[in-house]
Amino acid sequence: MEAKKNGEESPASTVTLGEKVVISVTLDDDFSSLLNDNFYLSECLATNGENKESGQNPAYKEQLLVKKGCMIKLDDELEAAIEPVMDGQTLQFKQFAFRESSSFKVECEIRLGKKPSDERCKELRDGSSEDADLSGFAGRRRRSVAGMDKDSEFKESTGQLRIN
């Protein structure tokens, strides 16, 4: 998974606040022909790069961006500031930072299969689905999914980005 500045081909290591960043998965030719578009960003979490240490590190900061393959419902002010867009395989937003931190990291789980439909994401965001709640306020929980084997989900990270 790579983080690229808008319009640039090479991965970014330093970004400026407010600059458009694109998070995407790049497949080599062998996997690209096998998977086509049968994968999506399932869960994406932005952090300040600090170690979480089981919730004991007060410097650790996080913001959930994508849950169950859908953009979560962000605070209105944050959404207006970062203008996030997600199409399943690509996540775009204006670079933001955590207070008192110049580091930024995005970690995403990649799931094999078709991304959820726009209607499904709307149901999850609105809370009109039984397994709803894309508010971003619920903690990250791991659940086993019936019929999914371990190899159908992968976790990737952009690595640490420096914010100017």
N, C-alpha and C. Protein backbone atom coordinates (compact mmCIF):
# COMPACT_ATOMS: atom_id res chain seq x y z
N MET A 1 0.85 -1.16 0.00
CA MET A 1 0.00 0.00 0.00
C MET A 1 0.90 1.22 0.00
N GLU A 2 0.52 2.23 -0.77
CA GLU A 2 1.33 3.43 -0.88
C GLU A 2 0.49 4.67 -0.63
N ALA A 3 1.15 5.67 -0.10
CA ALA A 3 0.55 7.00 0.01
C ALA A 3 1.25 7.88 -1.01
N LYS A 4 0.48 8.47 -1.91
CA LYS A 4 1.05 9.34 -2.94
C LYS A 4 0.44 10.72 -2.84
N LYS A 5 1.26 11.71 -3.15
CA LYS A 5 0.75 13.07 -3.25
C LYS A 5 -0.04 13.16 -4.54
N ASN A 6 -1.04 13.99 -4.57
CA ASN A 6 -1.88 14.15 -5.74
C ASN A 6 -1.04 14.45 -6.98
N GLY A 7 -1.19 13.63 -8.02
CA GLY A 7 -0.51 13.88 -9.28
C GLY A 7 0.91 13.35 -9.36
N GLU A 8 1.43 12.77 -8.29
CA GLU A 8 2.80 12.25 -8.32
C GLU A 8 2.77 10.74 -8.42
N GLU A 9 3.77 10.19 -9.09
CA GLU A 9 3.83 8.75 -9.30
C GLU A 9 4.53 8.00 -8.19
N SER A 10 5.48 8.65 -7.50
CA SER A 10 6.25 7.93 -6.49
C SER A 10 5.62 8.10 -5.11
N PRO A 11 5.83 7.11 -4.23
CA PRO A 11 5.28 7.19 -2.87
C PRO A 11 5.81 8.40 -2.12
N ALA A 12 4.97 8.94 -1.27
CA ALA A 12 5.34 10.12 -0.48
C ALA A 12 5.96 9.71 0.84
N SER A 13 6.89 10.50 1.34
CA SER A 13 7.41 10.31 2.69
C SER A 13 7.24 11.59 3.50
N THR A 14 7.06 12.72 2.81
CA THR A 14 6.79 13.99 3.46
C THR A 14 5.61 14.64 2.77
N VAL A 15 4.65 15.09 3.55
CA VAL A 15 3.47 15.74 2.99
C VAL A 15 3.20 17.04 3.74
N THR A 16 2.46 17.92 3.11
CA THR A 16 2.12 19.21 3.71
C THR A 16 0.66 19.17 4.13
N LEU A 17 0.35 19.77 5.28
CA LEU A 17 -1.03 19.83 5.73
C LEU A 17 -1.92 20.39 4.63
N GLY A 18 -3.06 19.76 4.41
CA GLY A 18 -4.01 20.22 3.40
C GLY A 18 -3.73 19.69 2.01
N GLU A 19 -2.57 19.08 1.80
CA GLU A 19 -2.23 18.51 0.50
C GLU A 19 -3.04 17.23 0.27
N LYS A 20 -3.50 17.02 -0.97
CA LYS A 20 -4.28 15.83 -1.28
C LYS A 20 -3.37 14.60 -1.29
N VAL A 21 -3.78 13.58 -0.55
CA VAL A 21 -3.03 12.33 -0.44
C VAL A 21 -3.93 11.20 -0.96
N VAL A 22 -3.33 10.27 -1.69
CA VAL A 22 -4.05 9.12 -2.23
C VAL A 22 -3.44 7.86 -1.64
N ILE A 23 -4.27 7.06 -0.97
CA ILE A 23 -3.84 5.77 -0.41
C ILE A 23 -4.40 4.71 -1.35
N SER A 24 -3.52 3.87 -1.89
CA SER A 24 -4.00 2.85 -2.82
C SER A 24 -3.13 1.60 -2.71
N VAL A 25 -3.66 0.52 -3.22
CA VAL A 25 -2.95 -0.75 -3.25
C VAL A 25 -2.44 -0.95 -4.67
N THR A 26 -1.16 -1.25 -4.79
CA THR A 26 -0.57 -1.50 -6.09
C THR A 26 -0.28 -3.00 -6.20
N LEU A 27 -0.82 -3.62 -7.24
CA LEU A 27 -0.61 -5.05 -7.45
C LEU A 27 0.39 -5.26 -8.57
N ASP A 28 1.23 -6.27 -8.42
CA ASP A 28 2.10 -6.59 -9.54
C ASP A 28 1.27 -7.31 -10.60
N ASP A 29 1.83 -7.50 -11.78
CA ASP A 29 1.07 -8.04 -12.92
C ASP A 29 0.44 -9.40 -12.64
N ASP A 30 1.16 -10.28 -11.90
CA ASP A 30 0.63 -11.61 -11.61
C ASP A 30 -0.66 -11.53 -10.80
N PHE A 31 -0.66 -10.73 -9.74
CA PHE A 31 -1.85 -10.61 -8.90
C PHE A 31 -2.94 -9.79 -9.57
N SER A 32 -2.55 -8.80 -10.33
CA SER A 32 -3.53 -7.93 -10.99
C SER A 32 -4.42 -8.74 -11.93
N SER A 33 -3.82 -9.66 -12.69
CA SER A 33 -4.62 -10.47 -13.62
C SER A 33 -5.49 -11.47 -12.87
N LEU A 34 -5.07 -11.91 -11.69
CA LEU A 34 -5.86 -12.85 -10.89
C LEU A 34 -7.02 -12.17 -10.16
N LEU A 35 -6.73 -11.04 -9.54
CA LEU A 35 -7.72 -10.39 -8.67
C LEU A 35 -8.65 -9.41 -9.39
N ASN A 36 -8.17 -8.81 -10.49
CA ASN A 36 -8.91 -7.72 -11.14
C ASN A 36 -9.29 -6.70 -10.09
N ASP A 37 -10.57 -6.48 -9.86
CA ASP A 37 -10.97 -5.53 -8.82
C ASP A 37 -11.67 -6.24 -7.67
N ASN A 38 -11.31 -7.48 -7.43
CA ASN A 38 -11.94 -8.29 -6.38
C ASN A 38 -11.25 -8.16 -5.03
N PHE A 39 -10.98 -6.92 -4.62
CA PHE A 39 -10.45 -6.63 -3.29
C PHE A 39 -10.83 -5.20 -2.96
N TYR A 40 -10.80 -4.87 -1.69
CA TYR A 40 -11.12 -3.51 -1.27
C TYR A 40 -10.49 -3.20 0.07
N LEU A 41 -10.38 -1.90 0.37
CA LEU A 41 -9.89 -1.45 1.67
C LEU A 41 -11.03 -1.63 2.65
N SER A 42 -10.85 -2.52 3.60
CA SER A 42 -11.92 -2.88 4.52
C SER A 42 -11.96 -1.97 5.75
N GLU A 43 -10.85 -1.79 6.40
CA GLU A 43 -10.74 -0.95 7.60
C GLU A 43 -9.49 -0.09 7.42
N CYS A 44 -9.59 1.22 7.63
CA CYS A 44 -8.42 2.10 7.57
C CYS A 44 -8.40 2.98 8.81
N LEU A 45 -7.25 2.99 9.46
CA LEU A 45 -7.06 3.73 10.70
C LEU A 45 -5.85 4.64 10.53
N ALA A 46 -6.04 5.93 10.76
CA ALA A 46 -4.93 6.89 10.76
C ALA A 46 -4.46 7.06 12.20
N THR A 47 -3.15 7.07 12.39
CA THR A 47 -2.58 7.28 13.72
C THR A 47 -1.45 8.31 13.63
N ASN A 48 -1.00 8.74 14.79
CA ASN A 48 0.15 9.64 14.83
C ASN A 48 1.47 8.87 14.87
N GLY A 49 1.42 7.57 14.63
CA GLY A 49 2.63 6.77 14.56
C GLY A 49 3.16 6.32 15.91
N GLU A 50 2.56 6.77 16.98
CA GLU A 50 2.98 6.33 18.32
C GLU A 50 2.56 4.89 18.53
N ASN A 51 3.21 4.22 19.45
CA ASN A 51 2.85 2.85 19.81
C ASN A 51 1.65 2.89 20.74
N LYS A 52 0.61 2.13 20.42
CA LYS A 52 -0.61 2.16 21.21
C LYS A 52 -0.40 1.59 22.62
N GLU A 53 0.43 0.59 22.76
CA GLU A 53 0.75 -0.03 24.05
C GLU A 53 -0.49 -0.35 24.87
N SER A 54 -1.41 -1.07 24.27
CA SER A 54 -2.63 -1.51 24.95
C SER A 54 -3.39 -0.38 25.63
N GLY A 55 -3.43 0.78 24.98
CA GLY A 55 -4.19 1.89 25.52
C GLY A 55 -3.50 2.64 26.64
N GLN A 56 -2.26 2.29 26.94
CA GLN A 56 -1.56 2.92 28.06
C GLN A 56 -0.69 4.11 27.65
N ASN A 57 -0.59 4.41 26.36
CA ASN A 57 0.25 5.51 25.90
C ASN A 57 -0.61 6.75 25.67
N PRO A 58 -0.53 7.76 26.53
CA PRO A 58 -1.36 8.95 26.38
C PRO A 58 -1.02 9.77 25.13
N ALA A 59 0.16 9.55 24.53
CA ALA A 59 0.55 10.29 23.33
C ALA A 59 -0.09 9.70 22.08
N TYR A 60 -0.60 8.47 22.17
CA TYR A 60 -1.19 7.79 21.01
C TYR A 60 -2.50 8.46 20.61
N LYS A 61 -2.64 8.74 19.30
CA LYS A 61 -3.86 9.33 18.76
C LYS A 61 -4.26 8.53 17.53
N GLU A 62 -5.58 8.38 17.31
CA GLU A 62 -6.07 7.65 16.14
C GLU A 62 -7.36 8.25 15.63
N GLN A 63 -7.63 8.00 14.34
CA GLN A 63 -8.89 8.39 13.72
C GLN A 63 -9.28 7.29 12.74
N LEU A 64 -10.38 6.63 13.00
CA LEU A 64 -10.89 5.63 12.08
C LEU A 64 -11.44 6.34 10.86
N LEU A 65 -11.09 5.86 9.65
CA LEU A 65 -11.54 6.46 8.41
C LEU A 65 -12.49 5.55 7.63
N VAL A 66 -12.15 4.27 7.58
CA VAL A 66 -12.93 3.30 6.81
C VAL A 66 -13.27 2.12 7.70
N LYS A 67 -14.52 1.69 7.66
CA LYS A 67 -14.97 0.55 8.44
C LYS A 67 -15.90 -0.28 7.55
N LYS A 68 -15.68 -1.59 7.53
CA LYS A 68 -16.48 -2.52 6.73
C LYS A 68 -16.51 -2.13 5.25
N GLY A 69 -15.42 -1.53 4.77
CA GLY A 69 -15.32 -1.15 3.36
C GLY A 69 -15.99 0.16 3.01
N CYS A 70 -16.45 0.92 4.01
CA CYS A 70 -17.17 2.17 3.77
C CYS A 70 -16.53 3.31 4.58
N MET A 71 -16.58 4.52 4.02
CA MET A 71 -16.16 5.69 4.79
C MET A 71 -17.06 5.81 6.00
N ILE A 72 -16.48 6.10 7.15
CA ILE A 72 -17.31 6.29 8.33
C ILE A 72 -17.90 7.69 8.32
N LYS A 73 -18.88 7.90 9.17
CA LYS A 73 -19.47 9.22 9.34
C LYS A 73 -18.53 10.02 10.24
N LEU A 74 -17.82 10.98 9.66
CA LEU A 74 -16.87 11.79 10.41
C LEU A 74 -17.57 13.00 11.01
N ASP A 75 -16.95 13.58 11.99
CA ASP A 75 -17.38 14.86 12.54
C ASP A 75 -17.48 15.84 11.36
N ASP A 76 -18.52 16.67 11.31
CA ASP A 76 -18.75 17.59 10.19
C ASP A 76 -17.53 18.47 9.91
N GLU A 77 -16.90 18.98 10.96
CA GLU A 77 -15.75 19.87 10.80
C GLU A 77 -14.58 19.13 10.16
N LEU A 78 -14.30 17.90 10.63
CA LEU A 78 -13.20 17.12 10.07
C LEU A 78 -13.49 16.75 8.62
N GLU A 79 -14.72 16.31 8.35
CA GLU A 79 -15.07 15.93 6.98
C GLU A 79 -14.91 17.11 6.02
N ALA A 80 -15.35 18.29 6.43
CA ALA A 80 -15.22 19.48 5.58
C ALA A 80 -13.75 19.83 5.36
N ALA A 81 -12.91 19.62 6.37
CA ALA A 81 -11.50 19.98 6.27
C ALA A 81 -10.71 19.01 5.40
N ILE A 82 -10.99 17.71 5.48
CA ILE A 82 -10.16 16.74 4.76
C ILE A 82 -10.79 16.22 3.48
N GLU A 83 -12.07 16.46 3.26
CA GLU A 83 -12.78 16.06 2.03
C GLU A 83 -12.45 14.62 1.61
N PRO A 84 -12.76 13.64 2.44
CA PRO A 84 -12.40 12.26 2.10
C PRO A 84 -13.27 11.68 0.99
N VAL A 85 -12.65 10.83 0.16
CA VAL A 85 -13.34 10.12 -0.92
C VAL A 85 -12.78 8.70 -0.94
N MET A 86 -13.68 7.72 -1.03
CA MET A 86 -13.25 6.33 -1.06
C MET A 86 -14.04 5.59 -2.12
N ASP A 87 -13.34 4.85 -2.99
CA ASP A 87 -14.03 4.10 -4.03
C ASP A 87 -13.89 2.59 -3.85
N GLY A 88 -13.36 2.16 -2.74
CA GLY A 88 -13.17 0.74 -2.48
C GLY A 88 -11.70 0.37 -2.48
N GLN A 89 -10.99 0.73 -3.55
CA GLN A 89 -9.57 0.39 -3.65
C GLN A 89 -8.66 1.58 -3.44
N THR A 90 -9.23 2.77 -3.35
CA THR A 90 -8.45 3.99 -3.19
C THR A 90 -9.13 4.88 -2.15
N LEU A 91 -8.32 5.46 -1.27
CA LEU A 91 -8.80 6.41 -0.27
C LEU A 91 -8.05 7.72 -0.50
N GLN A 92 -8.79 8.82 -0.68
CA GLN A 92 -8.19 10.13 -0.88
C GLN A 92 -8.68 11.08 0.21
N PHE A 93 -7.79 11.96 0.65
CA PHE A 93 -8.18 12.98 1.61
C PHE A 93 -7.11 14.06 1.61
N LYS A 94 -7.49 15.23 2.14
CA LYS A 94 -6.50 16.28 2.36
C LYS A 94 -5.77 15.95 3.65
N GLN A 95 -4.45 16.01 3.59
CA GLN A 95 -3.63 15.62 4.73
C GLN A 95 -4.03 16.39 5.98
N PHE A 96 -4.21 15.65 7.06
CA PHE A 96 -4.48 16.25 8.36
C PHE A 96 -3.44 15.76 9.34
N ALA A 97 -3.41 16.34 10.52
CA ALA A 97 -2.43 15.96 11.53
C ALA A 97 -3.12 15.83 12.88
N PHE A 98 -2.44 15.16 13.76
CA PHE A 98 -2.90 15.06 15.13
C PHE A 98 -2.19 16.13 15.94
N ARG A 99 -2.90 16.74 16.86
CA ARG A 99 -2.33 17.79 17.70
C ARG A 99 -1.04 17.29 18.35
N GLU A 100 -0.03 18.14 18.35
CA GLU A 100 1.26 17.86 18.99
C GLU A 100 1.99 16.68 18.37
N SER A 101 1.82 16.47 17.06
CA SER A 101 2.53 15.38 16.38
C SER A 101 2.86 15.80 14.95
N SER A 102 4.03 15.42 14.49
CA SER A 102 4.41 15.69 13.10
C SER A 102 4.49 14.39 12.30
N SER A 103 4.07 13.28 12.89
CA SER A 103 4.06 11.99 12.20
C SER A 103 2.63 11.56 11.92
N PHE A 104 2.49 10.75 10.88
CA PHE A 104 1.17 10.31 10.45
C PHE A 104 1.33 8.96 9.78
N LYS A 105 0.42 8.05 10.07
CA LYS A 105 0.48 6.71 9.50
C LYS A 105 -0.94 6.24 9.24
N VAL A 106 -1.15 5.57 8.11
CA VAL A 106 -2.45 4.97 7.81
C VAL A 106 -2.24 3.48 7.66
N GLU A 107 -3.05 2.71 8.36
CA GLU A 107 -2.99 1.25 8.28
C GLU A 107 -4.36 0.77 7.82
N CYS A 108 -4.36 -0.04 6.76
CA CYS A 108 -5.62 -0.54 6.21
C CYS A 108 -5.60 -2.06 6.13
N GLU A 109 -6.75 -2.64 6.38
CA GLU A 109 -6.96 -4.06 6.11
C GLU A 109 -7.51 -4.16 4.71
N ILE A 110 -6.99 -5.10 3.95
CA ILE A 110 -7.42 -5.33 2.58
C ILE A 110 -8.16 -6.65 2.56
N ARG A 111 -9.38 -6.63 2.07
CA ARG A 111 -10.20 -7.82 2.05
C ARG A 111 -10.43 -8.26 0.61
N LEU A 112 -10.35 -9.55 0.38
CA LEU A 112 -10.65 -10.10 -0.95
C LEU A 112 -12.15 -10.18 -1.13
N GLY A 113 -12.62 -9.86 -2.31
CA GLY A 113 -14.04 -9.88 -2.62
C GLY A 113 -14.48 -8.55 -3.18
N LYS A 114 -15.77 -8.41 -3.43
CA LYS A 114 -16.33 -7.17 -3.96
C LYS A 114 -16.58 -6.17 -2.83
N LYS A 115 -16.31 -4.91 -3.10
CA LYS A 115 -16.54 -3.86 -2.10
C LYS A 115 -18.04 -3.72 -1.86
N PRO A 116 -18.42 -3.24 -0.68
CA PRO A 116 -19.84 -3.02 -0.41
C PRO A 116 -20.42 -1.97 -1.37
N SER A 117 -21.68 -2.12 -1.70
CA SER A 117 -22.33 -1.17 -2.60
C SER A 117 -22.53 0.18 -1.90
N ASP A 118 -22.77 1.21 -2.68
CA ASP A 118 -23.05 2.53 -2.11
C ASP A 118 -24.28 2.47 -1.21
N GLU A 119 -25.28 1.68 -1.62
CA GLU A 119 -26.50 1.54 -0.82
C GLU A 119 -26.19 0.91 0.53
N ARG A 120 -25.34 -0.12 0.51
CA ARG A 120 -24.96 -0.81 1.75
C ARG A 120 -24.21 0.15 2.68
N CYS A 121 -23.30 0.93 2.11
CA CYS A 121 -22.55 1.89 2.92
C CYS A 121 -23.48 2.94 3.51
N LYS A 122 -24.46 3.38 2.73
CA LYS A 122 -25.42 4.36 3.24
C LYS A 122 -26.21 3.76 4.40
N GLU A 123 -26.64 2.50 4.27
CA GLU A 123 -27.36 1.82 5.36
C GLU A 123 -26.50 1.75 6.62
N LEU A 124 -25.23 1.42 6.46
CA LEU A 124 -24.33 1.31 7.60
C LEU A 124 -24.10 2.67 8.26
N ARG A 125 -23.91 3.72 7.45
CA ARG A 125 -23.70 5.06 8.01
C ARG A 125 -24.95 5.59 8.70
N ASP A 126 -26.12 5.32 8.10
CA ASP A 126 -27.39 5.82 8.67
C ASP A 126 -27.86 5.00 9.87
N GLY A 127 -27.28 3.82 10.07
CA GLY A 127 -27.70 2.97 11.17
C GLY A 127 -28.97 2.19 10.87
N SER A 128 -29.36 2.10 9.59
CA SER A 128 -30.59 1.40 9.23
C SER A 128 -30.36 -0.08 8.96
N SER A 129 -29.14 -0.57 9.19
CA SER A 129 -28.82 -1.98 9.00
C SER A 129 -28.59 -2.61 10.38
N GLU A 130 -28.89 -3.90 10.50
CA GLU A 130 -28.73 -4.58 11.79
C GLU A 130 -27.30 -4.53 12.32
N ASP A 131 -26.32 -4.64 11.42
CA ASP A 131 -24.92 -4.62 11.87
C ASP A 131 -24.31 -3.25 11.61
N ALA A 132 -25.12 -2.22 11.78
CA ALA A 132 -24.70 -0.86 11.47
C ALA A 132 -23.74 -0.30 12.50
N ASP A 133 -23.41 0.94 12.33
CA ASP A 133 -22.59 1.79 13.18
C ASP A 133 -21.27 2.09 12.50
N LEU A 134 -21.32 3.08 11.66
CA LEU A 134 -20.10 3.60 11.05
C LEU A 134 -19.84 5.00 11.58
N SER A 135 -20.15 5.19 12.85
CA SER A 135 -19.99 6.51 13.46
C SER A 135 -18.53 6.83 13.72
N GLY A 136 -17.67 5.82 13.78
CA GLY A 136 -16.28 6.07 14.10
C GLY A 136 -16.03 6.15 15.59
N PHE A 137 -17.10 6.07 16.40
CA PHE A 137 -16.94 6.18 17.84
C PHE A 137 -16.85 4.81 18.50
N ALA A 138 -17.28 3.78 17.83
CA ALA A 138 -17.16 2.43 18.39
C ALA A 138 -15.71 2.01 18.26
N GLY A 139 -15.20 1.26 19.23
CA GLY A 139 -13.82 0.80 19.19
C GLY A 139 -13.61 -0.23 18.10
N ARG A 140 -12.35 -0.48 17.78
CA ARG A 140 -12.03 -1.50 16.78
C ARG A 140 -12.12 -2.86 17.45
N ARG A 141 -13.02 -3.71 16.92
CA ARG A 141 -13.15 -5.05 17.45
C ARG A 141 -12.87 -6.04 16.34
N ARG A 142 -12.26 -7.13 16.68
CA ARG A 142 -12.02 -8.20 15.73
C ARG A 142 -13.13 -9.22 15.88
N ARG A 143 -13.71 -9.61 14.79
CA ARG A 143 -14.73 -10.64 14.80
C ARG A 143 -14.39 -11.67 13.74
N SER A 144 -14.66 -12.91 14.03
CA SER A 144 -14.48 -13.91 12.98
C SER A 144 -15.71 -13.84 12.08
N VAL A 145 -15.47 -14.02 10.81
CA VAL A 145 -16.55 -13.96 9.84
C VAL A 145 -16.76 -15.36 9.29
N ALA A 146 -17.97 -15.87 9.42
CA ALA A 146 -18.27 -17.22 8.95
C ALA A 146 -17.95 -17.33 7.47
N GLY A 147 -17.29 -18.40 7.10
CA GLY A 147 -17.01 -18.65 5.70
C GLY A 147 -15.77 -17.94 5.17
N MET A 148 -15.09 -17.16 5.97
CA MET A 148 -13.89 -16.47 5.52
C MET A 148 -12.68 -17.17 6.12
N ASP A 149 -11.71 -17.51 5.28
CA ASP A 149 -10.51 -18.05 5.89
C ASP A 149 -9.51 -16.92 6.13
N LYS A 150 -8.54 -17.19 6.98
CA LYS A 150 -7.60 -16.16 7.42
C LYS A 150 -6.92 -15.46 6.25
N ASP A 151 -6.66 -16.19 5.17
CA ASP A 151 -5.90 -15.64 4.07
C ASP A 151 -6.69 -14.66 3.22
N SER A 152 -7.96 -14.42 3.53
CA SER A 152 -8.74 -13.50 2.72
C SER A 152 -8.65 -12.06 3.21
N GLU A 153 -7.88 -11.82 4.27
CA GLU A 153 -7.73 -10.48 4.79
C GLU A 153 -6.26 -10.20 5.07
N PHE A 154 -5.80 -9.02 4.67
CA PHE A 154 -4.41 -8.64 4.82
C PHE A 154 -4.34 -7.26 5.43
N LYS A 155 -3.29 -6.98 6.17
CA LYS A 155 -3.11 -5.65 6.76
C LYS A 155 -1.87 -5.01 6.16
N GLU A 156 -2.00 -3.78 5.69
CA GLU A 156 -0.90 -3.04 5.10
C GLU A 156 -0.85 -1.65 5.72
N SER A 157 0.31 -1.02 5.62
CA SER A 157 0.50 0.31 6.19
C SER A 157 1.24 1.19 5.21
N THR A 158 1.00 2.49 5.29
CA THR A 158 1.73 3.44 4.46
C THR A 158 3.15 3.64 4.98
N GLY A 159 3.40 3.19 6.18
CA GLY A 159 4.66 3.54 6.82
C GLY A 159 4.49 4.93 7.41
N GLN A 160 5.53 5.41 8.06
CA GLN A 160 5.45 6.70 8.73
C GLN A 160 5.62 7.82 7.71
N LEU A 161 4.73 8.81 7.74
CA LEU A 161 4.84 9.99 6.89
C LEU A 161 5.21 11.18 7.78
N ARG A 162 6.01 12.05 7.28
CA ARG A 162 6.39 13.26 8.01
C ARG A 162 5.52 14.40 7.50
N ILE A 163 4.96 15.19 8.39
CA ILE A 163 4.07 16.28 8.01
C ILE A 163 4.79 17.61 8.16
N ASN A 164 4.74 18.40 7.10
CA ASN A 164 5.33 19.75 7.14
C ASN A 164 4.29 20.76 7.57
